[in-house]
Amino acid sequence: MKMVVAIIRPEKLQDVMKALEAAEIKSMTVSSVKGRGTQKGITQQWRGREYTVDLLDKTKLEIVVTDDLVDTTINTIKGSAMTGDIGDGKIFILPVENAVRIRTGTTGEKAV
């Protein structure tokens, strides 16, 4: 099992969720986060003065999938979250040792 962690633009969340559902990947955790990467924030103007926003709003998806769904998950997120502009986000893949469904006590891939 793997955990796919994706940091994406907030405005792309609905597109990504629809694409994942179409790919039969329905379970996920979604969080609102702030961060910065290569783009290092943005400069904006307000009342004639410039100011820099160092941390930008992003959306974090955490999805645990079986090994056979990792590539599908990654490709689905990439295809639906990409705008082609800097700040589109990143995807990280982490190993998951085990999972436990609290309600039934089921463990391993069956719990996912």
N, C-alpha and C. Protein backbone atom coordinates (compact mmCIF):
# COMPACT_ATOMS: atom_id res chain seq x y z
N MET A 1 0.84 -1.18 0.00
CA MET A 1 0.00 0.00 0.00
C MET A 1 0.88 1.24 0.00
N LYS A 2 0.35 2.29 -0.57
CA LYS A 2 1.06 3.57 -0.62
C LYS A 2 0.11 4.69 -0.25
N MET A 3 0.68 5.76 0.31
CA MET A 3 -0.08 6.98 0.52
C MET A 3 0.39 7.98 -0.52
N VAL A 4 -0.55 8.48 -1.29
CA VAL A 4 -0.27 9.51 -2.28
C VAL A 4 -0.70 10.83 -1.65
N VAL A 5 0.28 11.73 -1.48
CA VAL A 5 0.01 13.05 -0.92
C VAL A 5 0.20 14.06 -2.05
N ALA A 6 -0.86 14.80 -2.34
CA ALA A 6 -0.80 15.78 -3.43
C ALA A 6 -1.11 17.16 -2.87
N ILE A 7 -0.27 18.13 -3.23
CA ILE A 7 -0.49 19.53 -2.90
C ILE A 7 -0.90 20.20 -4.22
N ILE A 8 -2.13 20.73 -4.25
CA ILE A 8 -2.65 21.28 -5.50
C ILE A 8 -3.24 22.67 -5.27
N ARG A 9 -3.58 23.33 -6.37
CA ARG A 9 -4.28 24.62 -6.28
C ARG A 9 -5.70 24.38 -5.76
N PRO A 10 -6.18 25.22 -4.85
CA PRO A 10 -7.53 25.03 -4.32
C PRO A 10 -8.61 25.02 -5.40
N GLU A 11 -8.45 25.82 -6.42
CA GLU A 11 -9.47 25.89 -7.46
C GLU A 11 -9.53 24.64 -8.33
N LYS A 12 -8.55 23.74 -8.21
CA LYS A 12 -8.55 22.51 -8.99
C LYS A 12 -9.12 21.32 -8.21
N LEU A 13 -9.51 21.52 -6.95
CA LEU A 13 -9.97 20.42 -6.12
C LEU A 13 -11.17 19.69 -6.73
N GLN A 14 -12.18 20.40 -7.16
CA GLN A 14 -13.37 19.73 -7.72
C GLN A 14 -13.03 18.93 -8.97
N ASP A 15 -12.16 19.47 -9.82
CA ASP A 15 -11.75 18.74 -11.02
C ASP A 15 -11.02 17.45 -10.65
N VAL A 16 -10.13 17.53 -9.67
CA VAL A 16 -9.37 16.37 -9.24
C VAL A 16 -10.30 15.33 -8.61
N MET A 17 -11.22 15.77 -7.76
CA MET A 17 -12.14 14.83 -7.12
C MET A 17 -13.01 14.11 -8.14
N LYS A 18 -13.51 14.83 -9.14
CA LYS A 18 -14.33 14.21 -10.19
C LYS A 18 -13.52 13.18 -10.97
N ALA A 19 -12.28 13.53 -11.30
CA ALA A 19 -11.43 12.62 -12.07
C ALA A 19 -11.08 11.38 -11.25
N LEU A 20 -10.79 11.55 -9.96
CA LEU A 20 -10.49 10.40 -9.11
C LEU A 20 -11.71 9.50 -8.96
N GLU A 21 -12.87 10.09 -8.80
CA GLU A 21 -14.09 9.27 -8.69
C GLU A 21 -14.33 8.49 -9.97
N ALA A 22 -14.10 9.11 -11.12
CA ALA A 22 -14.25 8.42 -12.40
C ALA A 22 -13.26 7.26 -12.53
N ALA A 23 -12.11 7.37 -11.84
CA ALA A 23 -11.10 6.31 -11.86
C ALA A 23 -11.32 5.31 -10.73
N GLU A 24 -12.50 5.39 -10.07
CA GLU A 24 -12.86 4.47 -8.98
C GLU A 24 -12.00 4.64 -7.73
N ILE A 25 -11.45 5.85 -7.53
CA ILE A 25 -10.68 6.16 -6.32
C ILE A 25 -11.51 7.18 -5.55
N LYS A 26 -12.18 6.71 -4.50
CA LYS A 26 -13.19 7.55 -3.85
C LYS A 26 -12.78 8.04 -2.47
N SER A 27 -11.91 7.32 -1.77
CA SER A 27 -11.55 7.68 -0.39
C SER A 27 -10.35 8.61 -0.37
N MET A 28 -10.47 9.70 0.36
CA MET A 28 -9.36 10.65 0.48
C MET A 28 -9.59 11.55 1.67
N THR A 29 -8.55 12.18 2.12
CA THR A 29 -8.62 13.22 3.14
C THR A 29 -8.16 14.51 2.49
N VAL A 30 -8.91 15.58 2.71
CA VAL A 30 -8.60 16.87 2.10
C VAL A 30 -8.39 17.91 3.19
N SER A 31 -7.30 18.67 3.09
CA SER A 31 -6.99 19.73 4.06
C SER A 31 -6.63 21.01 3.33
N SER A 32 -7.00 22.13 3.94
CA SER A 32 -6.54 23.43 3.44
C SER A 32 -5.22 23.73 4.12
N VAL A 33 -4.21 24.05 3.33
CA VAL A 33 -2.88 24.31 3.86
C VAL A 33 -2.32 25.58 3.22
N LYS A 34 -1.22 26.06 3.74
CA LYS A 34 -0.49 27.17 3.14
C LYS A 34 0.92 26.70 2.87
N GLY A 35 1.51 27.21 1.81
CA GLY A 35 2.86 26.79 1.50
C GLY A 35 3.48 27.64 0.41
N ARG A 36 4.73 27.30 0.12
CA ARG A 36 5.44 27.97 -0.96
C ARG A 36 6.46 27.02 -1.53
N GLY A 37 6.78 27.23 -2.76
CA GLY A 37 7.75 26.38 -3.44
C GLY A 37 8.60 27.23 -4.33
N THR A 38 8.79 26.78 -5.54
CA THR A 38 9.60 27.50 -6.52
C THR A 38 9.09 28.91 -6.74
N GLN A 39 7.78 29.05 -6.67
CA GLN A 39 7.19 30.36 -6.97
C GLN A 39 7.47 31.39 -5.87
N LYS A 40 7.80 30.96 -4.67
CA LYS A 40 8.22 31.83 -3.56
C LYS A 40 7.24 32.97 -3.27
N GLY A 41 5.96 32.69 -3.35
CA GLY A 41 4.97 33.71 -3.04
C GLY A 41 4.66 34.59 -4.24
N ILE A 42 3.79 35.55 -4.00
CA ILE A 42 3.40 36.47 -5.07
C ILE A 42 3.39 37.89 -4.54
N THR A 43 3.56 38.84 -5.45
CA THR A 43 3.49 40.26 -5.10
C THR A 43 2.16 40.80 -5.59
N GLN A 44 1.45 41.50 -4.69
CA GLN A 44 0.15 42.07 -5.03
C GLN A 44 0.15 43.54 -4.67
N GLN A 45 -0.86 44.25 -5.17
CA GLN A 45 -1.03 45.66 -4.82
C GLN A 45 -2.35 45.84 -4.09
N TRP A 46 -2.31 46.69 -3.09
CA TRP A 46 -3.52 47.04 -2.36
C TRP A 46 -3.42 48.50 -1.97
N ARG A 47 -4.38 49.29 -2.40
CA ARG A 47 -4.39 50.74 -2.15
C ARG A 47 -3.09 51.41 -2.59
N GLY A 48 -2.61 50.99 -3.74
CA GLY A 48 -1.44 51.62 -4.32
C GLY A 48 -0.10 51.16 -3.76
N ARG A 49 -0.12 50.25 -2.81
CA ARG A 49 1.14 49.75 -2.24
C ARG A 49 1.32 48.28 -2.58
N GLU A 50 2.56 47.92 -2.84
CA GLU A 50 2.87 46.52 -3.12
C GLU A 50 3.17 45.79 -1.82
N TYR A 51 2.75 44.54 -1.76
CA TYR A 51 3.11 43.69 -0.63
C TYR A 51 3.27 42.26 -1.15
N THR A 52 4.07 41.49 -0.44
CA THR A 52 4.37 40.12 -0.84
C THR A 52 3.63 39.13 0.05
N VAL A 53 2.98 38.18 -0.58
CA VAL A 53 2.35 37.09 0.14
C VAL A 53 3.29 35.89 -0.01
N ASP A 54 3.97 35.52 1.10
CA ASP A 54 4.96 34.44 1.04
C ASP A 54 4.34 33.05 1.05
N LEU A 55 3.26 32.87 1.80
CA LEU A 55 2.61 31.57 1.88
C LEU A 55 1.27 31.63 1.16
N LEU A 56 1.11 30.76 0.18
CA LEU A 56 -0.09 30.75 -0.64
C LEU A 56 -1.03 29.63 -0.20
N ASP A 57 -2.33 29.86 -0.38
CA ASP A 57 -3.31 28.83 -0.06
C ASP A 57 -3.16 27.67 -1.04
N LYS A 58 -3.13 26.46 -0.49
CA LYS A 58 -3.06 25.23 -1.28
C LYS A 58 -4.03 24.23 -0.68
N THR A 59 -4.28 23.16 -1.40
CA THR A 59 -5.11 22.07 -0.90
C THR A 59 -4.27 20.80 -0.89
N LYS A 60 -4.35 20.07 0.23
CA LYS A 60 -3.58 18.84 0.38
C LYS A 60 -4.52 17.65 0.36
N LEU A 61 -4.24 16.70 -0.53
CA LEU A 61 -4.99 15.46 -0.62
C LEU A 61 -4.13 14.33 -0.09
N GLU A 62 -4.69 13.47 0.73
CA GLU A 62 -4.01 12.28 1.21
C GLU A 62 -4.87 11.08 0.82
N ILE A 63 -4.30 10.19 0.03
CA ILE A 63 -5.05 9.06 -0.51
C ILE A 63 -4.22 7.80 -0.31
N VAL A 64 -4.77 6.81 0.39
CA VAL A 64 -4.09 5.53 0.55
C VAL A 64 -4.70 4.56 -0.45
N VAL A 65 -3.82 3.97 -1.27
CA VAL A 65 -4.27 3.05 -2.32
C VAL A 65 -3.42 1.80 -2.31
N THR A 66 -3.94 0.75 -2.91
CA THR A 66 -3.15 -0.47 -3.09
C THR A 66 -2.08 -0.19 -4.15
N ASP A 67 -1.05 -1.01 -4.14
CA ASP A 67 0.08 -0.78 -5.05
C ASP A 67 -0.34 -0.73 -6.52
N ASP A 68 -1.35 -1.50 -6.90
CA ASP A 68 -1.75 -1.53 -8.31
C ASP A 68 -2.48 -0.25 -8.74
N LEU A 69 -2.90 0.59 -7.80
CA LEU A 69 -3.60 1.83 -8.14
C LEU A 69 -2.73 3.09 -8.03
N VAL A 70 -1.48 2.93 -7.67
CA VAL A 70 -0.61 4.09 -7.47
C VAL A 70 -0.44 4.89 -8.76
N ASP A 71 -0.08 4.23 -9.85
CA ASP A 71 0.14 4.96 -11.11
C ASP A 71 -1.14 5.61 -11.61
N THR A 72 -2.27 4.92 -11.49
CA THR A 72 -3.55 5.49 -11.89
C THR A 72 -3.86 6.74 -11.09
N THR A 73 -3.62 6.67 -9.79
CA THR A 73 -3.89 7.81 -8.90
C THR A 73 -3.02 9.01 -9.29
N ILE A 74 -1.74 8.77 -9.47
CA ILE A 74 -0.80 9.84 -9.83
C ILE A 74 -1.18 10.47 -11.17
N ASN A 75 -1.42 9.64 -12.18
CA ASN A 75 -1.75 10.16 -13.51
C ASN A 75 -3.07 10.91 -13.52
N THR A 76 -4.03 10.46 -12.72
CA THR A 76 -5.32 11.14 -12.64
C THR A 76 -5.17 12.51 -12.00
N ILE A 77 -4.39 12.58 -10.93
CA ILE A 77 -4.17 13.88 -10.27
C ILE A 77 -3.42 14.82 -11.20
N LYS A 78 -2.34 14.32 -11.82
CA LYS A 78 -1.56 15.16 -12.74
C LYS A 78 -2.43 15.70 -13.86
N GLY A 79 -3.23 14.84 -14.45
CA GLY A 79 -4.04 15.25 -15.59
C GLY A 79 -5.13 16.25 -15.25
N SER A 80 -5.66 16.17 -14.04
CA SER A 80 -6.77 17.05 -13.69
C SER A 80 -6.36 18.28 -12.90
N ALA A 81 -5.14 18.30 -12.35
CA ALA A 81 -4.69 19.44 -11.54
C ALA A 81 -3.77 20.39 -12.31
N MET A 82 -3.24 19.95 -13.44
CA MET A 82 -2.24 20.75 -14.15
C MET A 82 -2.86 21.92 -14.91
N THR A 83 -2.27 23.09 -14.71
CA THR A 83 -2.63 24.27 -15.51
C THR A 83 -1.48 24.64 -16.45
N GLY A 84 -0.29 24.14 -16.15
CA GLY A 84 0.89 24.49 -16.94
C GLY A 84 1.64 25.68 -16.38
N ASP A 85 1.11 26.28 -15.33
CA ASP A 85 1.75 27.44 -14.71
C ASP A 85 2.50 27.02 -13.45
N ILE A 86 3.46 27.84 -13.07
CA ILE A 86 4.20 27.60 -11.83
C ILE A 86 3.20 27.61 -10.67
N GLY A 87 3.40 26.72 -9.71
CA GLY A 87 2.50 26.66 -8.56
C GLY A 87 1.42 25.60 -8.68
N ASP A 88 1.52 24.72 -9.69
CA ASP A 88 0.52 23.66 -9.85
C ASP A 88 0.57 22.65 -8.71
N GLY A 89 1.72 22.48 -8.08
CA GLY A 89 1.80 21.60 -6.92
C GLY A 89 2.79 20.47 -7.07
N LYS A 90 2.69 19.53 -6.14
CA LYS A 90 3.60 18.37 -6.10
C LYS A 90 2.81 17.15 -5.66
N ILE A 91 3.35 15.97 -6.00
CA ILE A 91 2.79 14.70 -5.54
C ILE A 91 3.91 13.92 -4.88
N PHE A 92 3.63 13.38 -3.70
CA PHE A 92 4.58 12.56 -2.96
C PHE A 92 3.98 11.18 -2.75
N ILE A 93 4.81 10.14 -2.81
CA ILE A 93 4.35 8.78 -2.59
C ILE A 93 5.12 8.21 -1.41
N LEU A 94 4.37 7.73 -0.41
CA LEU A 94 4.95 7.21 0.82
C LEU A 94 4.50 5.77 1.05
N PRO A 95 5.36 4.91 1.60
CA PRO A 95 4.92 3.55 1.91
C PRO A 95 3.98 3.55 3.12
N VAL A 96 3.02 2.64 3.10
CA VAL A 96 2.11 2.46 4.24
C VAL A 96 2.29 1.02 4.71
N GLU A 97 2.67 0.86 5.97
CA GLU A 97 2.91 -0.48 6.51
C GLU A 97 1.62 -1.26 6.72
N ASN A 98 0.61 -0.61 7.26
CA ASN A 98 -0.62 -1.31 7.57
C ASN A 98 -1.75 -0.30 7.68
N ALA A 99 -2.97 -0.80 7.62
CA ALA A 99 -4.16 0.03 7.82
C ALA A 99 -5.13 -0.78 8.67
N VAL A 100 -5.91 -0.12 9.50
CA VAL A 100 -6.90 -0.78 10.35
C VAL A 100 -8.22 -0.03 10.22
N ARG A 101 -9.27 -0.73 9.84
CA ARG A 101 -10.61 -0.13 9.82
C ARG A 101 -11.15 -0.23 11.25
N ILE A 102 -11.38 0.89 11.87
CA ILE A 102 -11.78 0.95 13.27
C ILE A 102 -13.09 0.21 13.51
N ARG A 103 -14.07 0.40 12.66
CA ARG A 103 -15.40 -0.18 12.87
C ARG A 103 -15.38 -1.70 12.94
N THR A 104 -14.59 -2.34 12.04
CA THR A 104 -14.62 -3.81 11.96
C THR A 104 -13.35 -4.48 12.44
N GLY A 105 -12.28 -3.72 12.56
CA GLY A 105 -10.99 -4.31 12.94
C GLY A 105 -10.25 -4.92 11.76
N THR A 106 -10.78 -4.80 10.56
CA THR A 106 -10.12 -5.31 9.36
C THR A 106 -8.78 -4.64 9.18
N THR A 107 -7.77 -5.42 8.77
CA THR A 107 -6.44 -4.85 8.60
C THR A 107 -5.93 -5.06 7.18
N GLY A 108 -4.85 -4.38 6.85
CA GLY A 108 -4.19 -4.54 5.56
C GLY A 108 -4.96 -3.89 4.43
N GLU A 109 -4.77 -4.40 3.21
CA GLU A 109 -5.39 -3.81 2.02
C GLU A 109 -6.91 -3.85 2.07
N LYS A 110 -7.47 -4.83 2.77
CA LYS A 110 -8.93 -4.92 2.88
C LYS A 110 -9.51 -3.74 3.67
N ALA A 111 -8.69 -3.12 4.50
CA ALA A 111 -9.15 -1.97 5.29
C ALA A 111 -9.18 -0.69 4.47
N VAL A 112 -8.47 -0.71 3.34
CA VAL A 112 -8.42 0.47 2.49
C VAL A 112 -9.65 0.47 1.62
